[in-house]
Amino acid sequence: MRSSIQLTLLKLFLLALLSTVSLWSAPSRGTAHELVPTIADLSVEEGERVVLDLRINLEAFLSGVDLDAVENTNDDDAGDVYTNLRALTPEALAEQVPQLIALWNAAPLAEAGAALEFSQSGLDVPDGIDIELPRISLLTLTAKLPEGAADVRVNWPAGSGALVLRQQGVEEPYTGYLTGGESSPPIAIAGGGAETSMQAFLNYIPVGFDHILPKGLDHILFVLGLFFLSTRLRPLIWQVSAFTLAHTVTLALGALGWVNIPGEIVEPLIAASIVYVAIENVFTSGLNPWRPAVIFAFGLLHGLGFASVLGDFGLPPGQFLPALIGFNIGVEIGQLTVIAIAFLLVGWFAKKTWYRARIAVPASCVIAAVGAYWFVERVFL
């Protein structure tokens, strides 16, 4: 009886996968509410002007969404304001940019021995983009460089989310990653501030960790699905090892640009993987021979998800490998932390006769329900 139910579930799951793959040629179903890091290119022109070229989601900044706390504007009280701004024409949105620059100058946004006062010297707000997609504008800011200044420090305001900061026009340029409320080190105008391999490695560990805890809810649920099969060490090691090996492979291939599968394919499949693992927990209490292989396949999908995140942040030129390894280690630390927290909360009850019926199975049902909702949302909404 149990094997027939599992076979039926597997057939339904494969049908869901096939329906998702059929979306390959469908229009993009992204959402305007997804947030991406701001990318800033810093340069000094003729030794007189500091220039910041920003690839930025202006609506997110103008709405007051706390970009440090959320990855989707729907999760913030200012989400409705963001939606209204997103509906504006490029001309109407451009009229509101000076107030944002005024806030940045009051902070100040950058210093070179003294506070720099930026003015807008260029703005390109794209037109004709589907309202359901985020709109990334190109904003150029210029400030006069104080006489005798040898370096520039960028202060990224709290609540602004992630910033990828890249120096341009010099040899051995500085490349950095800042979160809201952080400041860059002094960036030498003449160059020479490129990260060492060790610095790139260490700097990208927290980036990877952050995309598991607290931001990677879909990956957290998948790891919890592995945990609730069994709290015994051997099944966990088999599952986590298969998952780790797989997502390491596709993370590297995706970050290198050798494999590129659209998010409208990858994201529903990640949700489907959560459903499968959770449902299998309900109908089996031990590690089946095929489960590590299935988890390996799902790990390939999750690795592509991580690669898209890493692609948003960018990797420092010449430091690709150490940064990639650091990011992956951060991801692994995050996953192990999820398992450790789960064990501290419920693992002590694992030897109780009622543990599976009262904890593991209900928790797996909740995980499956959330994954199923995400699957439907990502495919059809």
Protein backbone atom coordinates (compact mmCIF):
# COMPACT_ATOMS: atom_id res chain seq x y z
CA MET A 1 0.00 0.00 0.00
CA ARG A 2 2.74 2.43 1.01
CA SER A 3 4.80 1.76 -2.13
CA SER A 4 1.75 2.36 -4.35
CA ILE A 5 1.10 5.71 -2.64
CA GLN A 6 4.74 6.69 -3.11
CA LEU A 7 4.56 5.71 -6.78
CA THR A 8 1.47 7.88 -7.24
CA LEU A 9 3.18 10.80 -5.53
CA LEU A 10 6.24 10.39 -7.72
CA LYS A 11 4.06 10.42 -10.85
CA LEU A 12 2.29 13.58 -9.69
CA PHE A 13 5.61 15.20 -8.87
CA LEU A 14 7.07 14.36 -12.28
CA LEU A 15 3.93 15.78 -13.91
CA ALA A 16 4.46 19.00 -11.98
CA LEU A 17 8.06 19.13 -13.15
CA LEU A 18 7.02 18.64 -16.77
CA SER A 19 4.45 21.42 -16.51
CA THR A 20 7.15 23.73 -15.19
CA VAL A 21 9.57 22.86 -17.96
CA SER A 22 6.82 23.71 -20.46
CA LEU A 23 7.08 27.28 -19.22
CA TRP A 24 10.56 27.58 -20.77
CA SER A 25 9.19 29.45 -23.75
CA ALA A 26 6.55 31.37 -21.77
CA PRO A 27 6.94 35.06 -20.91
CA SER A 28 8.86 35.89 -17.79
CA ARG A 29 6.78 35.73 -14.62
CA GLY A 30 9.10 37.69 -12.34
CA THR A 31 7.72 40.17 -9.90
CA ALA A 32 8.27 43.88 -9.58
CA HIS A 33 8.54 43.40 -5.83
CA GLU A 34 11.80 41.41 -5.87
CA LEU A 35 14.82 43.36 -4.66
CA VAL A 36 18.35 43.21 -6.03
CA PRO A 37 21.59 44.77 -4.77
CA THR A 38 22.59 48.24 -5.86
CA ILE A 39 25.77 48.30 -7.97
CA ALA A 40 27.96 51.42 -7.83
CA ASP A 41 30.94 52.19 -10.06
CA LEU A 42 33.24 54.75 -8.45
CA SER A 43 35.69 56.82 -10.49
CA VAL A 44 37.57 60.12 -10.32
CA GLU A 45 37.60 62.19 -13.49
CA GLU A 46 40.55 64.52 -14.24
CA GLY A 47 41.47 64.48 -10.57
CA GLU A 48 38.63 66.92 -9.90
CA ARG A 49 35.28 65.09 -9.82
CA VAL A 50 34.10 62.01 -7.95
CA VAL A 51 31.59 60.10 -10.06
CA LEU A 52 29.20 57.39 -8.84
CA ASP A 53 27.33 55.44 -11.51
CA LEU A 54 24.52 53.54 -9.79
CA ARG A 55 22.39 50.65 -11.08
CA ILE A 56 19.55 51.15 -8.63
CA ASN A 57 15.92 50.33 -7.94
CA LEU A 58 14.83 53.91 -7.33
CA GLU A 59 11.29 52.93 -6.32
CA ALA A 60 12.62 50.84 -3.45
CA PHE A 61 14.67 53.74 -2.07
CA LEU A 62 12.01 56.41 -2.57
CA SER A 63 9.31 54.30 -0.93
CA GLY A 64 11.24 53.89 2.31
CA VAL A 65 11.28 50.08 2.20
CA ASP A 66 13.82 48.69 4.70
CA LEU A 67 16.10 46.93 2.23
CA ASP A 68 18.22 45.48 5.05
CA ALA A 69 15.27 43.54 6.43
CA VAL A 70 13.39 42.20 3.40
CA GLU A 71 14.03 40.76 -0.06
CA ASN A 72 10.52 41.45 -1.30
CA THR A 73 8.68 44.74 -0.89
CA ASN A 74 5.46 42.89 -0.09
CA ASP A 75 7.05 42.04 3.26
CA ASP A 76 7.40 45.71 4.23
CA ASP A 77 4.76 48.19 5.37
CA ALA A 78 5.92 50.51 2.59
CA GLY A 79 5.16 47.90 -0.07
CA ASP A 80 2.05 49.74 -1.31
CA VAL A 81 4.04 52.96 -1.72
CA TYR A 82 6.60 51.01 -3.76
CA THR A 83 3.85 49.61 -5.99
CA ASN A 84 2.48 53.09 -6.64
CA LEU A 85 5.94 54.41 -7.51
CA ARG A 86 6.54 51.45 -9.82
CA ALA A 87 3.44 52.47 -11.78
CA LEU A 88 4.78 55.98 -12.45
CA THR A 89 6.10 57.01 -15.84
CA PRO A 90 9.88 57.47 -16.09
CA GLU A 91 9.39 61.25 -16.20
CA ALA A 92 7.24 61.28 -13.05
CA LEU A 93 9.68 59.06 -11.17
CA ALA A 94 12.62 61.24 -12.22
CA GLU A 95 10.98 64.25 -10.58
CA GLN A 96 11.32 62.55 -7.17
CA VAL A 97 15.00 61.67 -7.40
CA PRO A 98 16.32 65.03 -6.03
CA GLN A 99 14.75 64.31 -2.63
CA LEU A 100 16.68 61.03 -2.45
CA ILE A 101 19.95 62.79 -3.31
CA ALA A 102 19.23 65.40 -0.62
CA LEU A 103 18.89 62.62 1.97
CA TRP A 104 22.17 61.07 0.84
CA ASN A 105 23.99 64.40 1.04
CA ALA A 106 22.74 64.94 4.57
CA ALA A 107 24.31 61.65 5.71
CA PRO A 108 26.82 62.14 3.86
CA LEU A 109 27.04 59.46 1.19
CA ALA A 110 30.81 59.82 0.72
CA GLU A 111 33.81 61.66 2.16
CA ALA A 112 37.21 62.66 0.83
CA GLY A 113 38.72 64.41 3.82
CA ALA A 114 35.44 66.33 3.93
CA ALA A 115 31.85 65.45 3.12
CA LEU A 116 31.12 65.23 -0.61
CA GLU A 117 27.99 66.92 -1.92
CA PHE A 118 26.63 65.05 -4.92
CA SER A 119 24.43 66.38 -7.67
CA GLN A 120 22.63 64.49 -10.39
CA SER A 121 24.49 64.52 -13.69
CA GLY A 122 22.67 61.73 -15.46
CA LEU A 123 19.54 59.58 -15.12
CA ASP A 124 18.09 56.84 -17.29
CA VAL A 125 14.79 55.36 -16.10
CA PRO A 126 13.84 52.54 -18.49
CA ASP A 127 10.49 52.68 -20.21
CA GLY A 128 8.36 49.91 -21.64
CA ILE A 129 9.28 47.33 -18.99
CA ASP A 130 6.51 44.97 -17.89
CA ILE A 131 4.93 46.36 -14.71
CA GLU A 132 5.42 42.93 -13.15
CA LEU A 133 9.20 43.23 -13.42
CA PRO A 134 11.56 45.39 -11.33
CA ARG A 135 12.82 48.56 -13.00
CA ILE A 136 16.55 49.17 -12.62
CA SER A 137 17.52 52.76 -13.34
CA LEU A 138 20.96 54.19 -14.10
CA LEU A 139 21.72 57.20 -11.90
CA THR A 140 24.96 59.19 -12.19
CA LEU A 141 26.07 61.39 -9.29
CA THR A 142 28.96 63.84 -9.39
CA ALA A 143 30.74 65.72 -6.59
CA LYS A 144 33.74 68.05 -6.53
CA LEU A 145 36.85 66.41 -5.13
CA PRO A 146 38.48 68.49 -2.35
CA GLU A 147 41.97 69.72 -3.22
CA GLY A 148 44.70 67.37 -2.04
CA ALA A 149 42.34 64.44 -1.30
CA ALA A 150 44.06 61.08 -1.72
CA ASP A 151 41.19 58.73 -0.99
CA VAL A 152 37.41 58.42 -0.89
CA ARG A 153 35.23 56.65 1.67
CA VAL A 154 31.67 55.60 0.77
CA ASN A 155 29.06 55.48 3.56
CA TRP A 156 26.11 53.29 2.62
CA PRO A 157 23.03 54.37 4.64
CA ALA A 158 21.23 51.98 6.99
CA GLY A 159 18.16 50.41 5.39
CA SER A 160 19.66 50.54 1.90
CA GLY A 161 20.32 46.83 1.49
CA ALA A 162 23.38 45.46 -0.26
CA LEU A 163 25.83 47.54 -2.29
CA VAL A 164 28.43 46.18 -4.68
CA LEU A 165 31.05 48.94 -4.91
CA ARG A 166 33.56 48.81 -7.77
CA GLN A 167 36.37 51.27 -8.47
CA GLN A 168 36.97 52.07 -12.13
CA GLY A 169 39.77 53.59 -14.20
CA VAL A 170 42.78 52.46 -12.14
CA GLU A 171 45.04 49.45 -11.83
CA GLU A 172 44.34 47.11 -8.92
CA PRO A 173 40.91 48.65 -8.23
CA TYR A 174 39.00 48.31 -5.00
CA THR A 175 35.94 46.05 -5.10
CA GLY A 176 33.76 45.72 -2.03
CA TYR A 177 30.45 44.54 -0.66
CA LEU A 178 28.64 46.74 1.85
CA THR A 179 25.43 46.19 3.76
CA GLY A 180 23.21 49.01 4.99
CA GLY A 181 24.93 51.11 7.64
CA GLU A 182 28.46 50.08 6.60
CA SER A 183 31.27 52.24 5.25
CA SER A 184 34.01 51.29 2.84
CA PRO A 185 37.65 51.58 3.85
CA PRO A 186 39.45 54.61 2.41
CA ILE A 187 39.67 53.91 -1.33
CA ALA A 188 42.92 55.25 -2.79
CA ILE A 189 42.15 57.49 -5.77
CA ALA A 190 45.32 56.25 -7.50
CA GLY A 191 44.26 52.60 -7.09
CA GLY A 192 46.09 49.75 -5.41
CA GLY A 193 43.22 48.79 -3.10
CA ALA A 194 42.36 45.46 -4.73
CA GLU A 195 41.38 42.74 -2.27
CA THR A 196 43.77 39.92 -1.57
CA SER A 197 42.57 36.39 -2.12
CA MET A 198 42.16 35.92 1.62
CA GLN A 199 40.15 39.13 1.96
CA ALA A 200 37.81 38.11 -0.87
CA PHE A 201 37.42 34.66 0.71
CA LEU A 202 36.60 36.05 4.16
CA ASN A 203 34.34 38.82 2.87
CA TYR A 204 32.09 36.45 0.93
CA ILE A 205 31.53 33.98 3.79
CA PRO A 206 28.92 36.25 5.47
CA VAL A 207 27.34 36.93 2.06
CA GLY A 208 26.68 33.20 1.64
CA PHE A 209 25.50 32.81 5.23
CA ASP A 210 23.11 35.76 4.89
CA HIS A 211 21.40 34.08 1.96
CA ILE A 212 20.52 31.12 4.12
CA LEU A 213 19.89 32.89 7.42
CA PRO A 214 17.73 34.88 7.47
CA LYS A 215 16.89 35.45 3.79
CA GLY A 216 16.82 31.98 2.22
CA LEU A 217 13.48 30.69 3.46
CA ASP A 218 13.04 28.22 0.59
CA HIS A 219 16.49 26.75 1.22
CA ILE A 220 15.80 26.68 4.97
CA LEU A 221 12.63 24.65 4.41
CA PHE A 222 14.46 22.21 2.14
CA VAL A 223 17.16 21.63 4.76
CA LEU A 224 14.48 21.15 7.43
CA GLY A 225 12.89 18.59 5.12
CA LEU A 226 16.18 16.68 5.21
CA PHE A 227 16.27 16.97 9.00
CA PHE A 228 12.75 15.69 9.64
CA LEU A 229 13.34 12.41 7.79
CA SER A 230 15.54 11.34 10.68
CA THR A 231 17.61 13.10 13.31
CA ARG A 232 20.16 10.26 13.26
CA LEU A 233 23.59 11.36 12.10
CA ARG A 234 24.11 8.87 9.26
CA PRO A 235 20.97 9.78 7.21
CA LEU A 236 21.69 13.48 7.73
CA ILE A 237 25.29 13.11 6.54
CA TRP A 238 24.21 11.23 3.42
CA GLN A 239 21.57 13.79 2.54
CA VAL A 240 23.54 16.93 3.34
CA SER A 241 26.62 15.57 1.53
CA ALA A 242 24.61 14.88 -1.64
CA PHE A 243 22.95 18.29 -1.46
CA THR A 244 26.23 20.09 -0.81
CA LEU A 245 28.12 18.37 -3.63
CA ALA A 246 25.35 19.11 -6.12
CA HIS A 247 24.78 22.76 -5.36
CA THR A 248 28.55 23.36 -5.27
CA VAL A 249 28.77 22.12 -8.87
CA THR A 250 25.96 24.26 -10.27
CA LEU A 251 26.90 27.25 -8.13
CA ALA A 252 30.32 27.28 -9.79
CA LEU A 253 28.95 26.61 -13.29
CA GLY A 254 26.24 29.25 -12.91
CA ALA A 255 28.59 31.87 -11.46
CA LEU A 256 30.98 31.27 -14.37
CA GLY A 257 28.11 31.76 -16.80
CA TRP A 258 28.50 28.28 -18.27
CA VAL A 259 25.00 27.26 -17.19
CA ASN A 260 22.17 29.76 -17.33
CA ILE A 261 18.59 28.61 -16.73
CA PRO A 262 15.91 31.30 -16.32
CA GLY A 263 14.61 31.96 -12.83
CA GLU A 264 11.03 31.20 -13.94
CA ILE A 265 12.20 27.61 -14.41
CA VAL A 266 14.53 27.24 -11.44
CA GLU A 267 12.38 28.87 -8.76
CA PRO A 268 9.25 26.70 -9.25
CA LEU A 269 11.42 23.59 -9.34
CA ILE A 270 13.05 24.58 -6.05
CA ALA A 271 9.56 24.89 -4.55
CA ALA A 272 8.66 21.49 -6.01
CA SER A 273 11.78 19.95 -4.44
CA ILE A 274 10.60 21.17 -1.03
CA VAL A 275 7.23 19.51 -1.58
CA TYR A 276 8.75 16.19 -2.65
CA VAL A 277 11.19 15.89 0.25
CA ALA A 278 8.51 16.84 2.80
CA ILE A 279 5.89 14.44 1.41
CA GLU A 280 8.37 11.58 1.32
CA ASN A 281 9.03 12.22 5.03
CA VAL A 282 5.35 11.54 5.69
CA PHE A 283 5.39 8.13 4.03
CA THR A 284 8.79 6.83 5.06
CA SER A 285 10.75 6.92 8.29
CA GLY A 286 14.14 5.88 6.95
CA LEU A 287 16.64 6.72 4.25
CA ASN A 288 15.60 5.04 1.00
CA PRO A 289 18.39 4.06 -1.41
CA TRP A 290 17.19 6.55 -4.02
CA ARG A 291 16.79 9.53 -1.72
CA PRO A 292 20.44 10.76 -1.87
CA ALA A 293 20.27 10.64 -5.68
CA VAL A 294 17.01 12.60 -5.70
CA ILE A 295 18.46 15.14 -3.27
CA PHE A 296 21.54 15.45 -5.48
CA ALA A 297 19.29 16.35 -8.40
CA PHE A 298 17.48 18.91 -6.29
CA GLY A 299 20.81 20.25 -5.06
CA LEU A 300 21.68 21.07 -8.66
CA LEU A 301 18.59 23.28 -8.79
CA HIS A 302 19.34 25.00 -5.51
CA GLY A 303 22.88 25.67 -6.71
CA LEU A 304 21.47 27.52 -9.70
CA GLY A 305 19.41 29.60 -7.26
CA PHE A 306 22.55 30.48 -5.31
CA ALA A 307 24.34 31.30 -8.57
CA SER A 308 21.67 33.83 -9.51
CA VAL A 309 22.16 35.50 -6.13
CA LEU A 310 25.91 35.56 -6.59
CA GLY A 311 25.45 36.94 -10.09
CA ASP A 312 23.46 39.84 -8.64
CA PHE A 313 26.29 40.72 -6.27
CA GLY A 314 29.08 40.14 -8.73
CA LEU A 315 32.47 38.68 -7.93
CA PRO A 316 35.63 40.76 -7.74
CA PRO A 317 37.75 40.46 -10.90
CA GLY A 318 40.81 38.29 -10.34
CA GLN A 319 39.38 36.93 -7.07
CA PHE A 320 36.68 34.72 -8.52
CA LEU A 321 37.75 31.41 -6.99
CA PRO A 322 38.37 32.53 -3.38
CA ALA A 323 35.17 34.60 -3.38
CA LEU A 324 33.20 31.66 -4.77
CA ILE A 325 34.62 29.30 -2.17
CA GLY A 326 33.92 31.81 0.60
CA PHE A 327 30.31 32.23 -0.54
CA ASN A 328 29.82 28.47 -0.66
CA ILE A 329 31.29 27.99 2.80
CA GLY A 330 28.95 30.68 4.10
CA VAL A 331 26.03 28.78 2.58
CA GLU A 332 27.18 25.56 4.26
CA ILE A 333 27.58 27.24 7.64
CA GLY A 334 24.06 28.60 7.24
CA GLN A 335 22.67 25.16 6.43
CA LEU A 336 24.44 23.54 9.38
CA THR A 337 23.14 26.31 11.60
CA VAL A 338 19.58 25.55 10.49
CA ILE A 339 20.08 21.87 11.36
CA ALA A 340 21.66 22.76 14.71
CA ILE A 341 18.76 25.05 15.63
CA ALA A 342 16.22 22.41 14.60
CA PHE A 343 18.00 19.80 16.72
CA LEU A 344 18.11 22.12 19.73
CA LEU A 345 14.37 22.78 19.40
CA VAL A 346 13.02 19.27 18.75
CA GLY A 347 15.93 16.83 18.44
CA TRP A 348 15.83 16.01 22.12
CA PHE A 349 12.45 14.33 21.57
CA ALA A 350 13.64 12.14 18.68
CA LYS A 351 13.80 8.98 20.82
CA LYS A 352 10.24 9.40 22.05
CA THR A 353 7.72 7.01 20.55
CA TRP A 354 5.45 9.93 19.65
CA TYR A 355 8.16 12.07 17.98
CA ARG A 356 7.42 11.03 14.41
CA ALA A 357 3.62 11.23 14.70
CA ARG A 358 3.49 14.49 16.64
CA ILE A 359 6.50 16.43 15.37
CA ALA A 360 8.19 15.05 12.23
CA VAL A 361 5.06 14.28 10.20
CA PRO A 362 3.08 17.46 11.07
CA ALA A 363 6.17 19.62 10.46
CA SER A 364 6.73 17.92 7.10
CA CYS A 365 3.09 18.52 6.16
CA VAL A 366 3.47 22.23 6.91
CA ILE A 367 6.69 22.38 4.85
CA ALA A 368 4.96 20.58 1.96
CA ALA A 369 2.01 22.99 2.09
CA VAL A 370 4.28 26.04 1.97
CA GLY A 371 6.30 24.54 -0.89
CA ALA A 372 3.11 23.72 -2.82
CA TYR A 373 1.86 27.30 -2.38
CA TRP A 374 5.18 28.67 -3.66
CA PHE A 375 5.09 26.31 -6.62
CA VAL A 376 1.62 27.48 -7.67
CA GLU A 377 2.55 31.12 -7.04
CA ARG A 378 5.75 30.91 -9.06
CA VAL A 379 4.15 29.08 -11.97
CA PHE A 380 0.75 30.69 -12.31
CA LEU A 381 0.80 34.06 -10.49
